[in-house]
Amino acid sequence: YQGKLLNELKKVGKKIAKACNDLPLSLKSSNSTSLPNELGNFTSLTNLNLSWYLNLTSLLNKLNNVTSLTTFEIKQCSSLTSLPNELGNLILLTSLNMSWCSSLKSLLKKINFTSLITLDMSSCSSLTSLPNKLCNLTS
């Protein structure tokens, strides 16, 4: 009985994620060190705010399916040390705010931000270099 109930809850969760895809998602101010696995179910999500996730150390493999993002905020994620390469494939991204990510040491090696208009990296005090492709941004 419990197994059947768990499967039904998973189905409901996927339906909720599908219905909420067009809404902005804010997971601000969490003490968690990682993102929920279910984040990958929001495949059409366009606006994601993870600001003030102070203990978040990695975004790895959590954003693989979230390819429709146009606005992404990770400001004040002070324990985040790197960004996943998949983030560089967000070709619809118009705004990226990662200000005050004070432990962020490097940016993506491969960037395809062809639609990017706003990029805020202010007070990322541990950044030591920027990718060459960043110079190719035209917007």
C-alpha atoms as a PDB file:
ATOM      1  CA  TYR A   1       0.000   0.000   0.000  1.00  0.00           C
ATOM      2  CA  GLN A   2       2.800   2.455   0.885  1.00  0.00           C
ATOM      3  CA  GLY A   3       4.590   1.792  -2.404  1.00  0.00           C
ATOM      4  CA  LYS A   4       1.441   2.559  -4.387  1.00  0.00           C
ATOM      5  CA  LEU A   5       0.834   5.723  -2.366  1.00  0.00           C
ATOM      6  CA  LEU A   6       4.424   6.883  -2.935  1.00  0.00           C
ATOM      7  CA  ASN A   7       4.081   6.351  -6.706  1.00  0.00           C
ATOM      8  CA  GLU A   8       0.857   8.351  -6.741  1.00  0.00           C
ATOM      9  CA  LEU A   9       2.518  11.188  -4.820  1.00  0.00           C
ATOM     10  CA  LYS A  10       5.366  11.244  -7.352  1.00  0.00           C
ATOM     11  CA  LYS A  11       2.853  11.493 -10.205  1.00  0.00           C
ATOM     12  CA  VAL A  12       1.056  14.369  -8.474  1.00  0.00           C
ATOM     13  CA  GLY A  13       4.385  16.123  -7.891  1.00  0.00           C
ATOM     14  CA  LYS A  14       5.245  15.908 -11.596  1.00  0.00           C
ATOM     15  CA  LYS A  15       1.827  17.280 -12.536  1.00  0.00           C
ATOM     16  CA  ILE A  16       2.284  20.189 -10.136  1.00  0.00           C
ATOM     17  CA  ALA A  17       5.752  20.886 -11.560  1.00  0.00           C
ATOM     18  CA  LYS A  18       4.347  20.850 -15.100  1.00  0.00           C
ATOM     19  CA  ALA A  19       1.500  23.203 -14.156  1.00  0.00           C
ATOM     20  CA  CYS A  20       3.904  25.640 -12.460  1.00  0.00           C
ATOM     21  CA  ASN A  21       6.471  25.772 -15.265  1.00  0.00           C
ATOM     22  CA  ASP A  22       5.446  29.236 -16.423  1.00  0.00           C
ATOM     23  CA  LEU A  23       5.534  30.774 -12.951  1.00  0.00           C
ATOM     24  CA  PRO A  24       8.664  32.323 -11.404  1.00  0.00           C
ATOM     25  CA  LEU A  25      10.252  29.984  -8.875  1.00  0.00           C
ATOM     26  CA  SER A  26      11.935  31.408  -5.812  1.00  0.00           C
ATOM     27  CA  LEU A  27      13.816  29.180  -3.388  1.00  0.00           C
ATOM     28  CA  LYS A  28      15.430  32.067  -1.541  1.00  0.00           C
ATOM     29  CA  SER A  29      16.925  32.015   1.931  1.00  0.00           C
ATOM     30  CA  SER A  30      17.558  28.351   2.536  1.00  0.00           C
ATOM     31  CA  ASN A  31      20.114  26.792   4.874  1.00  0.00           C
ATOM     32  CA  SER A  32      20.386  23.714   2.669  1.00  0.00           C
ATOM     33  CA  THR A  33      23.717  22.768   1.069  1.00  0.00           C
ATOM     34  CA  SER A  34      22.082  21.440  -2.099  1.00  0.00           C
ATOM     35  CA  LEU A  35      19.107  22.030  -4.345  1.00  0.00           C
ATOM     36  CA  PRO A  36      16.100  19.721  -4.401  1.00  0.00           C
ATOM     37  CA  ASN A  37      16.310  16.967  -7.020  1.00  0.00           C
ATOM     38  CA  GLU A  38      12.802  17.856  -8.172  1.00  0.00           C
ATOM     39  CA  LEU A  39      14.093  21.109  -9.640  1.00  0.00           C
ATOM     40  CA  GLY A  40      14.868  19.164 -12.820  1.00  0.00           C
ATOM     41  CA  ASN A  41      11.145  18.563 -13.321  1.00  0.00           C
ATOM     42  CA  PHE A  42      10.597  22.258 -14.099  1.00  0.00           C
ATOM     43  CA  THR A  43      11.710  21.923 -17.716  1.00  0.00           C
ATOM     44  CA  SER A  44       9.927  25.065 -18.970  1.00  0.00           C
ATOM     45  CA  LEU A  45      10.837  27.273 -16.021  1.00  0.00           C
ATOM     46  CA  THR A  46      11.840  30.758 -17.184  1.00  0.00           C
ATOM     47  CA  ASN A  47      12.605  32.584 -13.932  1.00  0.00           C
ATOM     48  CA  LEU A  48      14.613  31.004 -11.089  1.00  0.00           C
ATOM     49  CA  ASN A  49      15.777  32.779  -7.951  1.00  0.00           C
ATOM     50  CA  LEU A  50      18.132  30.941  -5.583  1.00  0.00           C
ATOM     51  CA  SER A  51      19.387  34.045  -3.774  1.00  0.00           C
ATOM     52  CA  TRP A  52      20.513  33.847  -0.161  1.00  0.00           C
ATOM     53  CA  TYR A  53      21.147  30.090  -0.323  1.00  0.00           C
ATOM     54  CA  LEU A  54      24.086  30.757   2.003  1.00  0.00           C
ATOM     55  CA  ASN A  55      25.262  27.132   2.401  1.00  0.00           C
ATOM     56  CA  LEU A  56      24.740  26.031  -1.203  1.00  0.00           C
ATOM     57  CA  THR A  57      28.049  24.605  -2.420  1.00  0.00           C
ATOM     58  CA  SER A  58      27.073  23.247  -5.835  1.00  0.00           C
ATOM     59  CA  LEU A  59      24.466  23.497  -8.582  1.00  0.00           C
ATOM     60  CA  LEU A  60      25.853  20.378 -10.245  1.00  0.00           C
ATOM     61  CA  ASN A  61      23.356  18.243 -12.180  1.00  0.00           C
ATOM     62  CA  LYS A  62      20.347  20.098 -10.799  1.00  0.00           C
ATOM     63  CA  LEU A  63      19.802  22.383 -13.791  1.00  0.00           C
ATOM     64  CA  ASN A  64      20.348  19.907 -16.647  1.00  0.00           C
ATOM     65  CA  ASN A  65      16.690  19.921 -17.739  1.00  0.00           C
ATOM     66  CA  VAL A  66      15.948  23.550 -16.868  1.00  0.00           C
ATOM     67  CA  THR A  67      16.904  24.880 -20.306  1.00  0.00           C
ATOM     68  CA  SER A  68      14.254  27.588 -20.777  1.00  0.00           C
ATOM     69  CA  LEU A  69      15.577  29.989 -18.151  1.00  0.00           C
ATOM     70  CA  THR A  70      15.593  33.642 -19.127  1.00  0.00           C
ATOM     71  CA  THR A  71      16.296  35.051 -15.644  1.00  0.00           C
ATOM     72  CA  PHE A  72      18.562  33.347 -13.112  1.00  0.00           C
ATOM     73  CA  GLU A  73      19.529  34.837  -9.749  1.00  0.00           C
ATOM     74  CA  ILE A  74      22.056  33.226  -7.412  1.00  0.00           C
ATOM     75  CA  LYS A  75      23.146  36.343  -5.544  1.00  0.00           C
ATOM     76  CA  GLN A  76      24.477  36.004  -2.001  1.00  0.00           C
ATOM     77  CA  CYS A  77      25.198  32.279  -2.411  1.00  0.00           C
ATOM     78  CA  SER A  78      28.379  32.815  -0.449  1.00  0.00           C
ATOM     79  CA  SER A  79      29.447  29.127  -0.267  1.00  0.00           C
ATOM     80  CA  LEU A  80      29.085  28.436  -3.987  1.00  0.00           C
ATOM     81  CA  THR A  81      32.553  27.783  -5.439  1.00  0.00           C
ATOM     82  CA  SER A  82      31.797  26.938  -9.071  1.00  0.00           C
ATOM     83  CA  LEU A  83      29.066  26.859 -11.684  1.00  0.00           C
ATOM     84  CA  PRO A  84      28.085  23.747 -13.650  1.00  0.00           C
ATOM     85  CA  ASN A  85      29.047  23.653 -17.338  1.00  0.00           C
ATOM     86  CA  GLU A  86      25.380  23.080 -18.244  1.00  0.00           C
ATOM     87  CA  LEU A  87      24.665  26.656 -17.217  1.00  0.00           C
ATOM     88  CA  GLY A  88      26.643  27.806 -20.255  1.00  0.00           C
ATOM     89  CA  ASN A  89      24.044  26.232 -22.552  1.00  0.00           C
ATOM     90  CA  LEU A  90      21.194  28.485 -21.428  1.00  0.00           C
ATOM     91  CA  ILE A  91      20.870  30.255 -24.774  1.00  0.00           C
ATOM     92  CA  LEU A  92      17.607  31.979 -23.773  1.00  0.00           C
ATOM     93  CA  LEU A  93      19.146  33.546 -20.649  1.00  0.00           C
ATOM     94  CA  THR A  94      18.777  37.333 -20.684  1.00  0.00           C
ATOM     95  CA  SER A  95      19.677  38.123 -17.062  1.00  0.00           C
ATOM     96  CA  LEU A  96      22.196  36.450 -14.759  1.00  0.00           C
ATOM     97  CA  ASN A  97      22.806  37.884 -11.299  1.00  0.00           C
ATOM     98  CA  MET A  98      25.484  36.173  -9.245  1.00  0.00           C
ATOM     99  CA  SER A  99      26.557  39.144  -7.173  1.00  0.00           C
ATOM    100  CA  TRP A 100      28.071  38.568  -3.751  1.00  0.00           C
ATOM    101  CA  CYS A 101      28.966  34.938  -4.487  1.00  0.00           C
ATOM    102  CA  SER A 102      32.156  35.564  -2.573  1.00  0.00           C
ATOM    103  CA  SER A 103      33.531  31.993  -2.800  1.00  0.00           C
ATOM    104  CA  LEU A 104      32.971  31.645  -6.552  1.00  0.00           C
ATOM    105  CA  LYS A 105      36.437  30.970  -7.982  1.00  0.00           C
ATOM    106  CA  SER A 106      35.761  30.497 -11.677  1.00  0.00           C
ATOM    107  CA  LEU A 107      33.128  30.988 -14.305  1.00  0.00           C
ATOM    108  CA  LEU A 108      32.112  28.603 -17.026  1.00  0.00           C
ATOM    109  CA  LYS A 109      34.643  27.544 -19.613  1.00  0.00           C
ATOM    110  CA  LYS A 110      32.015  27.304 -22.348  1.00  0.00           C
ATOM    111  CA  ILE A 111      29.476  30.106 -22.658  1.00  0.00           C
ATOM    112  CA  ASN A 112      26.640  30.295 -25.198  1.00  0.00           C
ATOM    113  CA  PHE A 113      24.803  33.240 -23.690  1.00  0.00           C
ATOM    114  CA  THR A 114      23.651  34.610 -27.034  1.00  0.00           C
ATOM    115  CA  SER A 115      20.655  36.431 -25.503  1.00  0.00           C
ATOM    116  CA  LEU A 116      22.319  37.773 -22.349  1.00  0.00           C
ATOM    117  CA  ILE A 117      21.574  41.443 -21.651  1.00  0.00           C
ATOM    118  CA  THR A 118      22.371  41.794 -17.936  1.00  0.00           C
ATOM    119  CA  LEU A 119      25.258  40.139 -16.107  1.00  0.00           C
ATOM    120  CA  ASP A 120      26.009  41.087 -12.510  1.00  0.00           C
ATOM    121  CA  MET A 121      29.180  39.648 -10.969  1.00  0.00           C
ATOM    122  CA  SER A 122      29.750  42.428  -8.467  1.00  0.00           C
ATOM    123  CA  SER A 123      31.520  41.508  -5.242  1.00  0.00           C
ATOM    124  CA  CYS A 124      32.540  38.053  -6.453  1.00  0.00           C
ATOM    125  CA  SER A 125      35.827  38.636  -4.681  1.00  0.00           C
ATOM    126  CA  SER A 126      37.338  35.165  -5.264  1.00  0.00           C
ATOM    127  CA  LEU A 127      37.022  35.235  -9.068  1.00  0.00           C
ATOM    128  CA  THR A 128      40.484  35.053 -10.574  1.00  0.00           C
ATOM    129  CA  SER A 129      39.703  34.971 -14.302  1.00  0.00           C
ATOM    130  CA  LEU A 130      36.946  35.357 -16.853  1.00  0.00           C
ATOM    131  CA  PRO A 131      36.330  33.166 -19.901  1.00  0.00           C
ATOM    132  CA  ASN A 132      37.474  34.624 -23.250  1.00  0.00           C
ATOM    133  CA  LYS A 133      34.015  34.147 -24.775  1.00  0.00           C
ATOM    134  CA  LEU A 134      32.635  36.681 -22.325  1.00  0.00           C
ATOM    135  CA  CYS A 135      34.167  39.337 -24.559  1.00  0.00           C
ATOM    136  CA  ASN A 136      31.959  38.161 -27.453  1.00  0.00           C
ATOM    137  CA  LEU A 137      28.714  39.209 -25.783  1.00  0.00           C
ATOM    138  CA  THR A 138      26.996  41.863 -27.862  1.00  0.00           C
ATOM    139  CA  SER A 139      23.764  42.756 -26.058  1.00  0.00           C
END
